[in-house]
Protein backbone atom coordinates (compact mmCIF):
# COMPACT_ATOMS: atom_id res chain seq x y z
CA UNK A 1 1.08 8.96 18.44
CA UNK A 2 -2.38 7.62 17.66
CA UNK A 3 -2.82 9.24 14.25
CA UNK A 4 -1.13 7.77 11.22
CA UNK A 5 1.45 9.71 9.22
CA UNK A 6 2.14 8.95 5.55
CA UNK A 7 5.54 7.28 5.60
CA UNK A 8 8.43 6.42 3.29
CA UNK A 9 10.76 9.10 2.01
CA UNK A 10 11.22 6.91 -1.06
CA UNK A 11 7.53 7.26 -1.86
CA UNK A 12 7.90 11.04 -1.78
CA UNK A 13 10.80 10.92 -4.24
CA UNK A 14 8.89 8.59 -6.54
CA UNK A 15 5.79 10.75 -6.30
CA UNK A 16 7.66 13.85 -7.44
CA UNK A 17 8.96 11.97 -10.46
CA UNK A 18 5.37 11.46 -11.60
CA UNK A 19 4.28 15.05 -11.05
CA UNK A 20 2.34 16.42 -14.00
CA UNK A 21 0.64 19.75 -14.18
CA UNK A 22 -2.33 20.37 -16.43
CA UNK A 23 -2.30 23.72 -18.18
CA UNK A 24 -4.66 23.01 -21.04
CA UNK A 25 -8.30 21.95 -20.92
CA UNK A 26 -7.42 19.34 -23.55
CA UNK A 27 -5.29 17.30 -21.18
CA UNK A 28 -6.65 13.77 -20.58
CA UNK A 29 -8.69 13.55 -17.40
CA UNK A 30 -6.95 10.38 -16.23
CA UNK A 31 -3.51 11.99 -15.95
CA UNK A 32 -1.91 11.02 -12.66
CA UNK A 33 -0.70 14.03 -10.73
CA UNK A 34 0.82 14.53 -7.32
CA UNK A 35 -0.47 17.55 -5.45
CA UNK A 36 1.68 17.72 -2.35
CA UNK A 37 3.53 14.77 -0.96
CA UNK A 38 4.45 16.37 2.36
CA UNK A 39 2.97 14.64 5.37
CA UNK A 40 -0.65 15.41 6.17
CA UNK A 41 -2.79 14.63 9.18
CA UNK A 42 -4.45 11.22 9.00
CA UNK A 43 -6.95 10.08 11.59
CA UNK A 44 -6.60 7.05 13.82
CA UNK A 45 -7.98 3.66 12.90
CA UNK A 46 -11.09 2.41 14.76
CA UNK A 47 -8.85 -0.43 15.99
CA UNK A 48 -7.09 2.19 18.12
CA UNK A 49 -10.24 3.18 20.01
CA UNK A 50 -9.57 2.66 23.73
CA UNK A 51 -10.81 -0.52 25.32
CA UNK A 52 -12.21 1.12 28.41
CA UNK A 53 -15.34 2.93 29.61
CA UNK A 54 -14.72 5.88 27.26
CA UNK A 55 -14.11 3.57 24.33
CA UNK A 56 -17.67 2.29 24.12
CA UNK A 57 -19.03 5.80 23.50
CA UNK A 58 -16.30 6.57 20.96
CA UNK A 59 -16.88 3.26 19.20
CA UNK A 60 -20.61 3.90 18.93
CA UNK A 61 -19.81 7.32 17.49
CA UNK A 62 -17.61 5.67 14.88
CA UNK A 63 -20.46 3.31 13.94
CA UNK A 64 -22.88 6.22 13.62
CA UNK A 65 -20.47 8.06 11.31
CA UNK A 66 -19.59 5.05 9.18
CA UNK A 67 -23.06 3.51 8.99
CA UNK A 68 -25.46 6.36 9.71
CA UNK A 69 -28.26 4.86 7.65
CA UNK A 70 -28.51 1.80 9.89
CA UNK A 71 -29.24 3.99 12.92
CA UNK A 72 -30.77 7.22 11.60
CA UNK A 73 -31.79 6.41 8.01
CA UNK A 74 -35.26 5.79 6.54
CA UNK A 75 -35.35 2.39 8.26
CA UNK A 76 -32.98 3.25 11.11
CA UNK A 77 -33.02 1.41 14.41
CA UNK A 78 -32.88 4.66 16.43
CA UNK A 79 -34.86 7.12 14.31
CA UNK A 80 -35.93 7.80 10.74
CA UNK A 81 -34.33 11.21 10.46
CA UNK A 82 -31.94 11.16 7.47
CA UNK A 83 -31.96 10.34 3.77
CA UNK A 84 -30.09 7.02 3.83
CA UNK A 85 -26.62 8.38 3.18
CA UNK A 86 -23.82 7.93 5.71
CA UNK A 87 -21.75 10.70 7.26
CA UNK A 88 -18.65 9.10 5.81
CA UNK A 89 -20.00 9.52 2.28
CA UNK A 90 -18.74 13.09 2.64
CA UNK A 91 -16.29 12.65 5.54
CA UNK A 92 -14.31 9.84 3.99
CA UNK A 93 -13.04 6.83 5.93
CA UNK A 94 -15.10 7.92 8.93
CA UNK A 95 -13.51 11.35 8.90
CA UNK A 96 -9.87 10.22 8.89
CA UNK A 97 -8.69 10.55 5.27
CA UNK A 98 -6.25 13.38 4.43
CA UNK A 99 -8.03 16.07 2.38
CA UNK A 100 -11.12 13.83 2.54
CA UNK A 101 -13.23 16.39 4.41
CA UNK A 102 -11.94 14.85 7.63
CA UNK A 103 -12.56 15.77 11.25
CA UNK A 104 -8.96 16.54 12.16
CA UNK A 105 -9.45 20.18 13.07
CA UNK A 106 -12.99 20.06 14.47
CA UNK A 107 -12.10 19.58 18.14
CA UNK A 108 -9.29 22.13 17.94
CA UNK A 109 -11.37 24.89 16.30
CA UNK A 110 -14.82 24.52 17.88
CA UNK A 111 -16.71 26.23 19.35
CA UNK A 112 -16.35 29.02 16.80
CA UNK A 113 -18.40 31.72 15.14
CA UNK A 114 -19.52 30.64 11.68
CA UNK A 115 -20.44 33.30 9.17
CA UNK A 116 -23.16 31.08 7.74
CA UNK A 117 -25.23 31.17 10.92
CA UNK A 118 -23.69 34.30 12.40
CA UNK A 119 -23.54 32.45 15.73
CA UNK A 120 -21.05 30.82 18.03
CA UNK A 121 -21.47 27.14 17.17
CA UNK A 122 -20.63 24.08 19.22
CA UNK A 123 -19.66 20.74 17.71
CA UNK A 124 -23.21 19.56 18.44
CA UNK A 125 -24.66 22.44 16.41
CA UNK A 126 -22.27 21.70 13.55
CA UNK A 127 -23.21 18.00 13.52
CA UNK A 128 -26.92 18.84 13.39
CA UNK A 129 -26.24 21.32 10.59
CA UNK A 130 -24.73 18.49 8.54
CA UNK A 131 -27.62 16.17 9.33
CA UNK A 132 -30.09 18.74 8.04
CA UNK A 133 -28.12 19.69 4.92
CA UNK A 134 -25.84 16.93 3.66
CA UNK A 135 -28.14 14.17 4.88
CA UNK A 136 -31.29 16.22 4.17
CA UNK A 137 -32.67 15.19 7.54
CA UNK A 138 -33.65 16.38 10.97
CA UNK A 139 -31.53 17.40 13.97
CA UNK A 140 -31.05 15.00 16.85
CA UNK A 141 -31.18 15.82 20.55
CA UNK A 142 -27.86 17.32 21.63
CA UNK A 143 -28.04 15.29 24.86
CA UNK A 144 -28.91 11.99 23.19
CA UNK A 145 -26.54 9.04 23.34
CA UNK A 146 -26.12 9.36 19.58
CA UNK A 147 -24.96 12.97 19.70
CA UNK A 148 -22.75 12.37 22.72
CA UNK A 149 -21.13 9.45 20.89
CA UNK A 150 -20.55 11.33 17.63
CA UNK A 151 -18.96 14.21 19.53
CA UNK A 152 -16.84 11.81 21.60
CA UNK A 153 -15.53 10.17 18.42
CA UNK A 154 -14.74 13.51 16.76
CA UNK A 155 -12.97 14.78 19.87
CA UNK A 156 -11.01 11.54 20.16
CA UNK A 157 -9.79 11.85 16.57
CA UNK A 158 -8.58 15.40 17.17
CA UNK A 159 -7.38 15.00 20.75
CA UNK A 160 -3.69 15.44 19.86
CA UNK A 161 -4.22 18.66 17.89
CA UNK A 162 -3.43 21.79 19.93
CA UNK A 163 -6.34 24.15 20.44
CA UNK A 164 -6.68 26.67 17.65
CA UNK A 165 -4.49 24.75 15.20
CA UNK A 166 -5.56 23.27 11.88
CA UNK A 167 -3.10 20.64 10.65
CA UNK A 168 -2.21 20.33 6.99
CA UNK A 169 -4.50 17.89 5.21
CA UNK A 170 -7.62 18.61 7.27
CA UNK A 171 -10.87 19.51 5.58
CA UNK A 172 -10.89 20.02 1.81
CA UNK A 173 -8.12 21.49 -0.30
CA UNK A 174 -8.65 24.86 -2.01
CA UNK A 175 -8.19 24.45 -5.76
CA UNK A 176 -7.11 27.43 -7.87
CA UNK A 177 -10.03 29.16 -9.53
CA UNK A 178 -10.60 28.58 -13.22
CA UNK A 179 -10.27 31.57 -15.54
CA UNK A 180 -13.57 30.49 -17.10
CA UNK A 181 -16.93 29.31 -15.87
CA UNK A 182 -17.11 25.66 -14.88
CA UNK A 183 -18.52 23.72 -17.84
CA UNK A 184 -21.48 21.43 -17.14
CA UNK A 185 -21.38 19.96 -20.67
CA UNK A 186 -17.74 18.92 -20.35
CA UNK A 187 -18.49 17.90 -16.78
CA UNK A 188 -21.11 15.44 -17.97
CA UNK A 189 -18.61 13.84 -20.35
CA UNK A 190 -16.01 13.55 -17.59
CA UNK A 191 -18.62 12.26 -15.15
CA UNK A 192 -19.61 9.45 -17.52
CA UNK A 193 -15.98 8.42 -17.91
CA UNK A 194 -14.84 8.69 -14.30
CA UNK A 195 -17.89 8.59 -12.01
CA UNK A 196 -20.87 6.85 -13.58
CA UNK A 197 -19.56 3.32 -13.02
CA UNK A 198 -20.06 3.81 -9.27
CA UNK A 199 -22.66 6.55 -8.92
CA UNK A 200 -24.69 5.65 -12.00
CA UNK A 201 -25.54 7.54 -15.16
CA UNK A 202 -28.67 8.71 -13.35
CA UNK A 203 -26.68 9.81 -10.28
CA UNK A 204 -28.71 7.60 -7.95
CA UNK A 205 -25.72 5.67 -6.62
CA UNK A 206 -25.74 1.99 -5.69
CA UNK A 207 -27.67 0.58 -2.74
CA UNK A 208 -25.66 -1.50 -0.28
CA UNK A 209 -26.02 -5.28 -0.58
CA UNK A 210 -27.88 -5.45 2.73
CA UNK A 211 -30.35 -2.84 1.47
CA UNK A 212 -29.35 -0.35 4.17
CA UNK A 213 -27.68 2.79 2.91
CA UNK A 214 -25.51 3.01 -0.17
CA UNK A 215 -22.41 1.29 -1.44
CA UNK A 216 -21.92 4.44 -3.53
CA UNK A 217 -24.02 7.46 -2.52
CA UNK A 218 -26.48 9.23 -4.80
CA UNK A 219 -25.16 12.52 -6.17
CA UNK A 220 -28.52 14.00 -7.07
CA UNK A 221 -32.20 13.19 -6.69
CA UNK A 222 -34.40 12.88 -3.61
CA UNK A 223 -31.93 10.82 -1.58
CA UNK A 224 -28.93 13.08 -2.11
CA UNK A 225 -27.66 16.15 -0.27
CA UNK A 226 -29.83 19.24 -0.52
CA UNK A 227 -28.93 22.63 -1.97
CA UNK A 228 -27.86 23.95 1.43
CA UNK A 229 -25.07 21.39 1.86
CA UNK A 230 -21.49 22.58 1.97
CA UNK A 231 -20.53 20.65 -1.16
CA UNK A 232 -23.23 22.46 -3.11
CA UNK A 233 -20.59 25.19 -3.23
CA UNK A 234 -18.46 24.44 -6.28
CA UNK A 235 -15.10 25.18 -4.66
CA UNK A 236 -15.79 22.70 -1.85
CA UNK A 237 -17.01 19.96 -4.15
CA UNK A 238 -14.24 20.44 -6.73
CA UNK A 239 -11.57 20.21 -4.03
CA UNK A 240 -13.21 17.09 -2.62
CA UNK A 241 -13.38 15.45 -6.05
CA UNK A 242 -9.78 16.34 -6.93
CA UNK A 243 -8.13 14.49 -4.05
CA UNK A 244 -10.57 11.61 -3.63
CA UNK A 245 -12.29 10.64 -6.87
CA UNK A 246 -12.60 8.30 -8.56
CA UNK A 247 -12.12 6.02 -5.58
CA UNK A 248 -9.46 5.07 -4.42
CA UNK A 249 -7.64 8.27 -5.41
CA UNK A 250 -5.75 10.16 -2.75
CA UNK A 251 -3.74 13.36 -2.46
CA UNK A 252 -0.50 11.58 -3.36
CA UNK A 253 -1.92 10.28 -6.63
CA UNK A 254 -4.84 12.14 -8.14
CA UNK A 255 -6.52 10.98 -11.33
CA UNK A 256 -8.43 14.07 -12.40
CA UNK A 257 -7.12 17.41 -13.53
CA UNK A 258 -8.18 20.53 -11.66
CA UNK A 259 -10.37 21.55 -14.59
CA UNK A 260 -12.13 18.19 -14.71
CA UNK A 261 -12.80 18.38 -10.97
CA UNK A 262 -14.44 21.80 -11.38
CA UNK A 263 -16.45 20.67 -14.41
CA UNK A 264 -17.68 17.45 -12.80
CA UNK A 265 -18.69 19.38 -9.69
CA UNK A 266 -20.61 21.83 -11.87
CA UNK A 267 -22.41 19.06 -13.72
CA UNK A 268 -23.40 17.18 -10.56
CA UNK A 269 -24.54 20.34 -8.79
CA UNK A 270 -26.60 21.36 -11.82
CA UNK A 271 -28.82 18.31 -11.32
CA UNK A 272 -32.09 18.32 -9.32
CA UNK A 273 -31.94 17.75 -5.59
CA UNK A 274 -33.94 18.62 -2.45
CA UNK A 275 -34.26 22.27 -1.51
CA UNK A 276 -33.78 23.70 1.96
CA UNK A 277 -34.80 27.16 3.05
CA UNK A 278 -31.67 29.28 3.47
CA UNK A 279 -33.26 32.64 4.23
CA UNK A 280 -31.58 32.71 7.66
CA UNK A 281 -28.11 31.86 6.32
CA UNK A 282 -25.39 34.49 6.07
CA UNK A 283 -27.05 37.19 8.17
CA UNK A 284 -24.13 39.39 7.12
CA UNK A 285 -24.23 38.82 3.36
CA UNK A 286 -20.91 40.61 2.92
CA UNK A 287 -19.36 37.45 4.41
CA UNK A 288 -21.08 35.12 1.97
CA UNK A 289 -18.53 33.08 -0.08
CA UNK A 290 -18.17 34.10 -3.71
CA UNK A 291 -19.28 30.64 -4.87
CA UNK A 292 -22.41 30.48 -2.71
CA UNK A 293 -24.98 29.50 -5.35
CA UNK A 294 -28.02 31.13 -3.77
CA UNK A 295 -28.48 34.91 -3.38
CA UNK A 296 -28.77 37.63 -2.31
CA UNK A 297 -25.27 39.09 -2.74
CA UNK A 298 -23.50 42.36 -2.14
CA UNK A 299 -22.23 42.52 -5.73
CA UNK A 300 -23.97 42.65 -9.10
CA UNK A 301 -22.90 39.24 -10.37
CA UNK A 302 -25.71 36.90 -11.32
CA UNK A 303 -26.65 33.83 -9.30
CA UNK A 304 -25.40 31.73 -12.21
CA UNK A 305 -21.97 33.33 -12.11
CA UNK A 306 -21.76 32.85 -8.36
CA UNK A 307 -22.60 29.18 -8.86
CA UNK A 308 -20.33 28.36 -11.82
CA UNK A 309 -17.83 31.23 -12.03
CA UNK A 310 -15.61 32.66 -13.26
CA UNK A 311 -14.66 34.02 -9.85
CA UNK A 312 -12.56 37.08 -9.25
CA UNK A 313 -13.04 37.32 -5.49
CA UNK A 314 -11.27 35.44 -2.74
CA UNK A 315 -13.21 32.69 -0.96
CA UNK A 316 -14.26 33.92 2.46
């Protein structure tokens, strides 16, 4: 099989011996915890891309995902349509990492109707949605070589997943809701300890040595994701942080408690960033997720409570 599976039964036994569960908000944020050591989907390595006529398109798609800025960034060789971040800043390891917002279930679940647009969306539409939100940029032609290559790469990664199935470990894990609002003040403290060394106290990240893109992406400011990005929802960002940050954390060995992940997400998402008009999102507002930070809503909770919690509704 072309995708990698976490191996070693011994590792699983060892992992369980280190399992720690945080109940109190006073628990140190660097406690190592194991979430779930059962096997999860892991995407194929770029070294496994076929060496044939189809492989060249897939390989170019991989390069576009892993080094988007070089092709589509402010000084891109193809266009100047994105903010300088790379797709893999959010879809870790070029969309292959378990619980790293990976692409495992994209080919198997698209096209599908998304409540956010209220439309049946293709993979091409979903890619352009990310370019406009997470990379605060412009859509690219759905028939361009770049789009065809990105879609070819995504489909190649998920080619062994049966249609309609979503393997364990794909996307972002759903963390339990806090019984309180996420705390931006505590989040700032935790951010300084666990995140600032890479992303900077000012959240501007670190520019790559070649000056193209970022070694560590900006988390707020003009070059970061805008307020329409998926990770501007606290539940999405907290789940992403929990299993992946600080780098090189993974779902076998996490370094942050659930509470710290929520608080850091709240702090980062409380900082200034580009705005995108969302007046056409969620045409049926009854399907809007409870943690969508921008109104209107069908309930009487404030925009602040929808952004930071506490939540008493199920994520839709």
